[in-house]
Amino acid sequence: MRQRICNKIRINNFTAFSAIDEHNRGVLTVDDFRNFIKKANIYPIEKDLNLLYERFDKDEDKVVTYEEFVAAVTPFMSSD
């Protein structure tokens, strides 16, 4: 899904992060993800939401920093 989105539109990473970080805390919580997804009228089961969040929260500290967010949404770059 990430690749399809990236191929169709170019979104500024900071703008995307800020859209999810409604409280301007500088980090994202699972509740921020839940609220953002619900606004898109998507209601994932809790297990799927947690799996998505774990993909972003690489250091497992229960918050997603901007750097973790960018790493998760940026397509892999070819080294060639």
PDB file of N, CA and C in Angstrom:
ATOM      1  N   MET A   1       0.824  -1.169   0.000  1.00  0.00           N
ATOM      2  CA  MET A   1       0.000   0.000   0.000  1.00  0.00           C
ATOM      3  C   MET A   1       0.881   1.249   0.000  1.00  0.00           C
ATOM      4  N   ARG A   2       1.947   1.233   0.782  1.00  0.00           N
ATOM      5  CA  ARG A   2       2.843   2.383   0.864  1.00  0.00           C
ATOM      6  C   ARG A   2       3.393   2.744  -0.505  1.00  0.00           C
ATOM      7  N   GLN A   3       3.819   1.747  -1.260  1.00  0.00           N
ATOM      8  CA  GLN A   3       4.378   2.009  -2.581  1.00  0.00           C
ATOM      9  C   GLN A   3       3.329   2.565  -3.525  1.00  0.00           C
ATOM     10  N   ARG A   4       2.111   2.062  -3.457  1.00  0.00           N
ATOM     11  CA  ARG A   4       1.052   2.579  -4.320  1.00  0.00           C
ATOM     12  C   ARG A   4       0.772   4.033  -4.010  1.00  0.00           C
ATOM     13  N   ILE A   5       0.744   4.374  -2.747  1.00  0.00           N
ATOM     14  CA  ILE A   5       0.496   5.770  -2.358  1.00  0.00           C
ATOM     15  C   ILE A   5       1.652   6.641  -2.827  1.00  0.00           C
ATOM     16  N   CYS A   6       2.867   6.213  -2.565  1.00  0.00           N
ATOM     17  CA  CYS A   6       4.039   7.013  -2.942  1.00  0.00           C
ATOM     18  C   CYS A   6       4.145   7.186  -4.450  1.00  0.00           C
ATOM     19  N   ASN A   7       3.738   6.185  -5.201  1.00  0.00           N
ATOM     20  CA  ASN A   7       3.795   6.288  -6.653  1.00  0.00           C
ATOM     21  C   ASN A   7       2.738   7.230  -7.212  1.00  0.00           C
ATOM     22  N   LYS A   8       1.628   7.370  -6.539  1.00  0.00           N
ATOM     23  CA  LYS A   8       0.543   8.202  -7.036  1.00  0.00           C
ATOM     24  C   LYS A   8       0.665   9.660  -6.616  1.00  0.00           C
ATOM     25  N   ILE A   9       1.057   9.896  -5.404  1.00  0.00           N
ATOM     26  CA  ILE A   9       1.143  11.273  -4.914  1.00  0.00           C
ATOM     27  C   ILE A   9       2.413  11.459  -4.101  1.00  0.00           C
ATOM     28  N   ARG A  10       2.855  12.657  -4.079  1.00  0.00           N
ATOM     29  CA  ARG A  10       4.006  12.999  -3.248  1.00  0.00           C
ATOM     30  C   ARG A  10       3.504  13.813  -2.067  1.00  0.00           C
ATOM     31  N   ILE A  11       3.678  13.271  -0.892  1.00  0.00           N
ATOM     32  CA  ILE A  11       3.233  13.936   0.320  1.00  0.00           C
ATOM     33  C   ILE A  11       4.456  14.308   1.133  1.00  0.00           C
ATOM     34  N   ASN A  12       4.480  15.505   1.598  1.00  0.00           N
ATOM     35  CA  ASN A  12       5.538  15.953   2.478  1.00  0.00           C
ATOM     36  C   ASN A  12       5.441  15.167   3.781  1.00  0.00           C
ATOM     37  N   ASN A  13       6.541  14.540   4.190  1.00  0.00           N
ATOM     38  CA  ASN A  13       6.531  13.720   5.403  1.00  0.00           C
ATOM     39  C   ASN A  13       6.119  14.511   6.634  1.00  0.00           C
ATOM     40  N   PHE A  14       6.597  15.740   6.751  1.00  0.00           N
ATOM     41  CA  PHE A  14       6.259  16.537   7.927  1.00  0.00           C
ATOM     42  C   PHE A  14       4.772  16.870   7.948  1.00  0.00           C
ATOM     43  N   THR A  15       4.203  17.158   6.788  1.00  0.00           N
ATOM     44  CA  THR A  15       2.775  17.458   6.711  1.00  0.00           C
ATOM     45  C   THR A  15       1.951  16.244   7.124  1.00  0.00           C
ATOM     46  N   ALA A  16       2.352  15.079   6.658  1.00  0.00           N
ATOM     47  CA  ALA A  16       1.654  13.852   7.017  1.00  0.00           C
ATOM     48  C   ALA A  16       1.771  13.578   8.517  1.00  0.00           C
ATOM     49  N   PHE A  17       2.970  13.730   9.062  1.00  0.00           N
ATOM     50  CA  PHE A  17       3.182  13.518  10.498  1.00  0.00           C
ATOM     51  C   PHE A  17       2.330  14.494  11.303  1.00  0.00           C
ATOM     52  N   SER A  18       2.326  15.745  10.898  1.00  0.00           N
ATOM     53  CA  SER A  18       1.561  16.778  11.608  1.00  0.00           C
ATOM     54  C   SER A  18       0.062  16.518  11.553  1.00  0.00           C
ATOM     55  N   ALA A  19      -0.412  15.964  10.441  1.00  0.00           N
ATOM     56  CA  ALA A  19      -1.831  15.657  10.317  1.00  0.00           C
ATOM     57  C   ALA A  19      -2.260  14.597  11.326  1.00  0.00           C
ATOM     58  N   ILE A  20      -1.382  13.671  11.615  1.00  0.00           N
ATOM     59  CA  ILE A  20      -1.691  12.630  12.593  1.00  0.00           C
ATOM     60  C   ILE A  20      -1.481  13.145  14.015  1.00  0.00           C
ATOM     61  N   ASP A  21      -0.507  14.024  14.213  1.00  0.00           N
ATOM     62  CA  ASP A  21      -0.168  14.584  15.533  1.00  0.00           C
ATOM     63  C   ASP A  21      -1.040  15.814  15.817  1.00  0.00           C
ATOM     64  N   GLU A  22      -2.314  15.579  16.061  1.00  0.00           N
ATOM     65  CA  GLU A  22      -3.260  16.677  16.275  1.00  0.00           C
ATOM     66  C   GLU A  22      -2.938  17.537  17.496  1.00  0.00           C
ATOM     67  N   HIS A  23      -2.286  16.964  18.492  1.00  0.00           N
ATOM     68  CA  HIS A  23      -2.004  17.688  19.733  1.00  0.00           C
ATOM     69  C   HIS A  23      -0.632  18.344  19.731  1.00  0.00           C
ATOM     70  N   ASN A  24       0.065  18.275  18.609  1.00  0.00           N
ATOM     71  CA  ASN A  24       1.379  18.913  18.448  1.00  0.00           C
ATOM     72  C   ASN A  24       2.367  18.532  19.543  1.00  0.00           C
ATOM     73  N   ARG A  25       2.410  17.250  19.883  1.00  0.00           N
ATOM     74  CA  ARG A  25       3.338  16.770  20.909  1.00  0.00           C
ATOM     75  C   ARG A  25       4.698  16.417  20.339  1.00  0.00           C
ATOM     76  N   GLY A  26       4.754  16.245  19.016  1.00  0.00           N
ATOM     77  CA  GLY A  26       6.025  15.864  18.400  1.00  0.00           C
ATOM     78  C   GLY A  26       6.262  14.381  18.356  1.00  0.00           C
ATOM     79  N   VAL A  27       5.340  13.600  18.872  1.00  0.00           N
ATOM     80  CA  VAL A  27       5.383  12.140  18.816  1.00  0.00           C
ATOM     81  C   VAL A  27       3.964  11.639  18.569  1.00  0.00           C
ATOM     82  N   LEU A  28       3.870  10.424  18.058  1.00  0.00           N
ATOM     83  CA  LEU A  28       2.570   9.825  17.783  1.00  0.00           C
ATOM     84  C   LEU A  28       2.342   8.636  18.698  1.00  0.00           C
ATOM     85  N   THR A  29       1.117   8.509  19.160  1.00  0.00           N
ATOM     86  CA  THR A  29       0.733   7.361  19.978  1.00  0.00           C
ATOM     87  C   THR A  29      -0.220   6.486  19.171  1.00  0.00           C
ATOM     88  N   VAL A  30      -0.513   5.324  19.694  1.00  0.00           N
ATOM     89  CA  VAL A  30      -1.459   4.439  19.025  1.00  0.00           C
ATOM     90  C   VAL A  30      -2.828   5.115  18.935  1.00  0.00           C
ATOM     91  N   ASP A  31      -3.185   5.924  19.919  1.00  0.00           N
ATOM     92  CA  ASP A  31      -4.454   6.645  19.867  1.00  0.00           C
ATOM     93  C   ASP A  31      -4.475   7.666  18.730  1.00  0.00           C
ATOM     94  N   ASP A  32      -3.333   8.302  18.458  1.00  0.00           N
ATOM     95  CA  ASP A  32      -3.253   9.232  17.328  1.00  0.00           C
ATOM     96  C   ASP A  32      -3.514   8.489  16.021  1.00  0.00           C
ATOM     97  N   PHE A  33      -2.919   7.313  15.876  1.00  0.00           N
ATOM     98  CA  PHE A  33      -3.145   6.503  14.678  1.00  0.00           C
ATOM     99  C   PHE A  33      -4.615   6.111  14.578  1.00  0.00           C
ATOM    100  N   ARG A  34      -5.187   5.648  15.696  1.00  0.00           N
ATOM    101  CA  ARG A  34      -6.584   5.215  15.723  1.00  0.00           C
ATOM    102  C   ARG A  34      -7.511   6.359  15.292  1.00  0.00           C
ATOM    103  N   ASN A  35      -7.310   7.536  15.861  1.00  0.00           N
ATOM    104  CA  ASN A  35      -8.166   8.684  15.537  1.00  0.00           C
ATOM    105  C   ASN A  35      -8.018   9.107  14.085  1.00  0.00           C
ATOM    106  N   PHE A  36      -6.805   9.115  13.576  1.00  0.00           N
ATOM    107  CA  PHE A  36      -6.567   9.513  12.191  1.00  0.00           C
ATOM    108  C   PHE A  36      -7.232   8.533  11.225  1.00  0.00           C
ATOM    109  N   ILE A  37      -7.092   7.255  11.507  1.00  0.00           N
ATOM    110  CA  ILE A  37      -7.676   6.233  10.641  1.00  0.00           C
ATOM    111  C   ILE A  37      -9.205   6.291  10.697  1.00  0.00           C
ATOM    112  N   LYS A  38      -9.765   6.523  11.881  1.00  0.00           N
ATOM    113  CA  LYS A  38     -11.220   6.622  12.008  1.00  0.00           C
ATOM    114  C   LYS A  38     -11.771   7.804  11.216  1.00  0.00           C
ATOM    115  N   LYS A  39     -11.014   8.890  11.140  1.00  0.00           N
ATOM    116  CA  LYS A  39     -11.464  10.046  10.357  1.00  0.00           C
ATOM    117  C   LYS A  39     -11.576   9.709   8.874  1.00  0.00           C
ATOM    118  N   ALA A  40     -10.852   8.693   8.440  1.00  0.00           N
ATOM    119  CA  ALA A  40     -10.938   8.226   7.058  1.00  0.00           C
ATOM    120  C   ALA A  40     -12.025   7.157   6.914  1.00  0.00           C
ATOM    121  N   ASN A  41     -12.833   7.000   7.956  1.00  0.00           N
ATOM    122  CA  ASN A  41     -13.910   6.003   7.975  1.00  0.00           C
ATOM    123  C   ASN A  41     -13.396   4.583   7.786  1.00  0.00           C
ATOM    124  N   ILE A  42     -12.234   4.319   8.379  1.00  0.00           N
ATOM    125  CA  ILE A  42     -11.668   2.973   8.388  1.00  0.00           C
ATOM    126  C   ILE A  42     -11.607   2.538   9.848  1.00  0.00           C
ATOM    127  N   TYR A  43     -12.138   1.378  10.119  1.00  0.00           N
ATOM    128  CA  TYR A  43     -12.217   0.897  11.496  1.00  0.00           C
ATOM    129  C   TYR A  43     -11.542  -0.469  11.610  1.00  0.00           C
ATOM    130  N   PRO A  44     -10.204  -0.459  11.723  1.00  0.00           N
ATOM    131  CA  PRO A  44      -9.495  -1.741  11.808  1.00  0.00           C
ATOM    132  C   PRO A  44      -9.740  -2.405  13.159  1.00  0.00           C
ATOM    133  N   ILE A  45      -9.604  -3.729  13.163  1.00  0.00           N
ATOM    134  CA  ILE A  45      -9.670  -4.408  14.454  1.00  0.00           C
ATOM    135  C   ILE A  45      -8.417  -4.021  15.244  1.00  0.00           C
ATOM    136  N   GLU A  46      -8.507  -4.100  16.532  1.00  0.00           N
ATOM    137  CA  GLU A  46      -7.425  -3.647  17.406  1.00  0.00           C
ATOM    138  C   GLU A  46      -6.102  -4.353  17.104  1.00  0.00           C
ATOM    139  N   LYS A  47      -6.175  -5.620  16.794  1.00  0.00           N
ATOM    140  CA  LYS A  47      -4.954  -6.374  16.483  1.00  0.00           C
ATOM    141  C   LYS A  47      -4.242  -5.774  15.273  1.00  0.00           C
ATOM    142  N   ASP A  48      -4.994  -5.456  14.212  1.00  0.00           N
ATOM    143  CA  ASP A  48      -4.393  -4.875  13.012  1.00  0.00           C
ATOM    144  C   ASP A  48      -3.830  -3.486  13.282  1.00  0.00           C
ATOM    145  N   LEU A  49      -4.542  -2.703  14.068  1.00  0.00           N
ATOM    146  CA  LEU A  49      -4.051  -1.373  14.431  1.00  0.00           C
ATOM    147  C   LEU A  49      -2.731  -1.481  15.192  1.00  0.00           C
ATOM    148  N   ASN A  50      -2.660  -2.414  16.124  1.00  0.00           N
ATOM    149  CA  ASN A  50      -1.427  -2.595  16.894  1.00  0.00           C
ATOM    150  C   ASN A  50      -0.280  -3.079  16.016  1.00  0.00           C
ATOM    151  N   LEU A  51      -0.563  -3.937  15.050  1.00  0.00           N
ATOM    152  CA  LEU A  51       0.476  -4.394  14.132  1.00  0.00           C
ATOM    153  C   LEU A  51       1.002  -3.240  13.282  1.00  0.00           C
ATOM    154  N   LEU A  52       0.101  -2.396  12.818  1.00  0.00           N
ATOM    155  CA  LEU A  52       0.512  -1.212  12.060  1.00  0.00           C
ATOM    156  C   LEU A  52       1.389  -0.319  12.928  1.00  0.00           C
ATOM    157  N   TYR A  53       0.963  -0.076  14.154  1.00  0.00           N
ATOM    158  CA  TYR A  53       1.712   0.788  15.056  1.00  0.00           C
ATOM    159  C   TYR A  53       3.099   0.221  15.353  1.00  0.00           C
ATOM    160  N   GLU A  54       3.174  -1.082  15.549  1.00  0.00           N
ATOM    161  CA  GLU A  54       4.467  -1.715  15.820  1.00  0.00           C
ATOM    162  C   GLU A  54       5.434  -1.529  14.655  1.00  0.00           C
ATOM    163  N   ARG A  55       4.908  -1.480  13.452  1.00  0.00           N
ATOM    164  CA  ARG A  55       5.759  -1.257  12.278  1.00  0.00           C
ATOM    165  C   ARG A  55       6.410   0.117  12.320  1.00  0.00           C
ATOM    166  N   PHE A  56       5.727   1.084  12.882  1.00  0.00           N
ATOM    167  CA  PHE A  56       6.263   2.438  12.995  1.00  0.00           C
ATOM    168  C   PHE A  56       7.144   2.592  14.238  1.00  0.00           C
ATOM    169  N   ASP A  57       6.766   1.986  15.341  1.00  0.00           N
ATOM    170  CA  ASP A  57       7.465   2.154  16.625  1.00  0.00           C
ATOM    171  C   ASP A  57       8.604   1.142  16.732  1.00  0.00           C
ATOM    172  N   LYS A  58       9.681   1.402  16.012  1.00  0.00           N
ATOM    173  CA  LYS A  58      10.786   0.446  15.932  1.00  0.00           C
ATOM    174  C   LYS A  58      11.503   0.224  17.260  1.00  0.00           C
ATOM    175  N   ASP A  59      11.617   1.259  18.089  1.00  0.00           N
ATOM    176  CA  ASP A  59      12.332   1.083  19.355  1.00  0.00           C
ATOM    177  C   ASP A  59      11.410   0.656  20.498  1.00  0.00           C
ATOM    178  N   GLU A  60      10.139   0.424  20.184  1.00  0.00           N
ATOM    179  CA  GLU A  60       9.152  -0.107  21.129  1.00  0.00           C
ATOM    180  C   GLU A  60       9.039   0.710  22.415  1.00  0.00           C
ATOM    181  N   ASP A  61       9.105   2.042  22.280  1.00  0.00           N
ATOM    182  CA  ASP A  61       8.967   2.893  23.467  1.00  0.00           C
ATOM    183  C   ASP A  61       7.560   3.488  23.588  1.00  0.00           C
ATOM    184  N   LYS A  62       6.622   2.959  22.807  1.00  0.00           N
ATOM    185  CA  LYS A  62       5.205   3.336  22.831  1.00  0.00           C
ATOM    186  C   LYS A  62       4.923   4.719  22.250  1.00  0.00           C
ATOM    187  N   VAL A  63       5.893   5.339  21.600  1.00  0.00           N
ATOM    188  CA  VAL A  63       5.678   6.577  20.853  1.00  0.00           C
ATOM    189  C   VAL A  63       6.453   6.483  19.544  1.00  0.00           C
ATOM    190  N   VAL A  64       5.900   7.111  18.511  1.00  0.00           N
ATOM    191  CA  VAL A  64       6.565   7.145  17.218  1.00  0.00           C
ATOM    192  C   VAL A  64       7.111   8.546  17.012  1.00  0.00           C
ATOM    193  N   THR A  65       8.417   8.645  16.899  1.00  0.00           N
ATOM    194  CA  THR A  65       9.049   9.939  16.652  1.00  0.00           C
ATOM    195  C   THR A  65       8.944  10.261  15.161  1.00  0.00           C
ATOM    196  N   TYR A  66       9.260  11.492  14.815  1.00  0.00           N
ATOM    197  CA  TYR A  66       9.241  11.893  13.406  1.00  0.00           C
ATOM    198  C   TYR A  66      10.208  11.035  12.599  1.00  0.00           C
ATOM    199  N   GLU A  67      11.371  10.762  13.156  1.00  0.00           N
ATOM    200  CA  GLU A  67      12.372   9.961  12.447  1.00  0.00           C
ATOM    201  C   GLU A  67      11.861   8.549  12.178  1.00  0.00           C
ATOM    202  N   GLU A  68      11.198   7.941  13.161  1.00  0.00           N
ATOM    203  CA  GLU A  68      10.631   6.608  12.970  1.00  0.00           C
ATOM    204  C   GLU A  68       9.527   6.648  11.908  1.00  0.00           C
ATOM    205  N   PHE A  69       8.733   7.692  11.939  1.00  0.00           N
ATOM    206  CA  PHE A  69       7.659   7.856  10.969  1.00  0.00           C
ATOM    207  C   PHE A  69       8.214   7.937   9.555  1.00  0.00           C
ATOM    208  N   VAL A  70       9.219   8.774   9.365  1.00  0.00           N
ATOM    209  CA  VAL A  70       9.821   8.935   8.038  1.00  0.00           C
ATOM    210  C   VAL A  70      10.423   7.616   7.553  1.00  0.00           C
ATOM    211  N   ALA A  71      11.098   6.910   8.444  1.00  0.00           N
ATOM    212  CA  ALA A  71      11.696   5.628   8.062  1.00  0.00           C
ATOM    213  C   ALA A  71      10.625   4.626   7.636  1.00  0.00           C
ATOM    214  N   ALA A  72       9.463   4.673   8.277  1.00  0.00           N
ATOM    215  CA  ALA A  72       8.398   3.720   7.971  1.00  0.00           C
ATOM    216  C   ALA A  72       7.658   4.056   6.680  1.00  0.00           C
ATOM    217  N   VAL A  73       7.545   5.326   6.336  1.00  0.00           N
ATOM    218  CA  VAL A  73       6.769   5.698   5.148  1.00  0.00           C
ATOM    219  C   VAL A  73       7.607   5.938   3.914  1.00  0.00           C
ATOM    220  N   THR A  74       8.915   6.058   4.060  1.00  0.00           N
ATOM    221  CA  THR A  74       9.778   6.310   2.914  1.00  0.00           C
ATOM    222  C   THR A  74      10.094   5.009   2.202  1.00  0.00           C
ATOM    223  N   PRO A  75       9.866   4.966   0.894  1.00  0.00           N
ATOM    224  CA  PRO A  75      10.176   3.729   0.153  1.00  0.00           C
ATOM    225  C   PRO A  75      11.671   3.417   0.234  1.00  0.00           C
ATOM    226  N   PHE A  76      11.983   2.149   0.161  1.00  0.00           N
ATOM    227  CA  PHE A  76      13.388   1.744   0.161  1.00  0.00           C
ATOM    228  C   PHE A  76      14.066   2.304  -1.075  1.00  0.00           C
ATOM    229  N   MET A  77      15.218   2.856  -0.869  1.00  0.00           N
ATOM    230  CA  MET A  77      15.957   3.451  -1.975  1.00  0.00           C
ATOM    231  C   MET A  77      16.938   2.417  -2.516  1.00  0.00           C
ATOM    232  N   SER A  78      17.063   2.367  -3.808  1.00  0.00           N
ATOM    233  CA  SER A  78      18.002   1.446  -4.440  1.00  0.00           C
ATOM    234  C   SER A  78      19.408   1.979  -4.261  1.00  0.00           C
ATOM    235  N   SER A  79      20.355   1.105  -3.990  1.00  0.00           N
ATOM    236  CA  SER A  79      21.753   1.534  -3.804  1.00  0.00           C
ATOM    237  C   SER A  79      22.519   1.524  -5.118  1.00  0.00           C
ATOM    238  N   ASP A  80      21.845   1.173  -6.223  1.00  0.00           N
ATOM    239  CA  ASP A  80      22.516   1.134  -7.520  1.00  0.00           C
ATOM    240  C   ASP A  80      22.716   2.524  -8.073  1.00  0.00           C
TER     241      ASP A  80
END
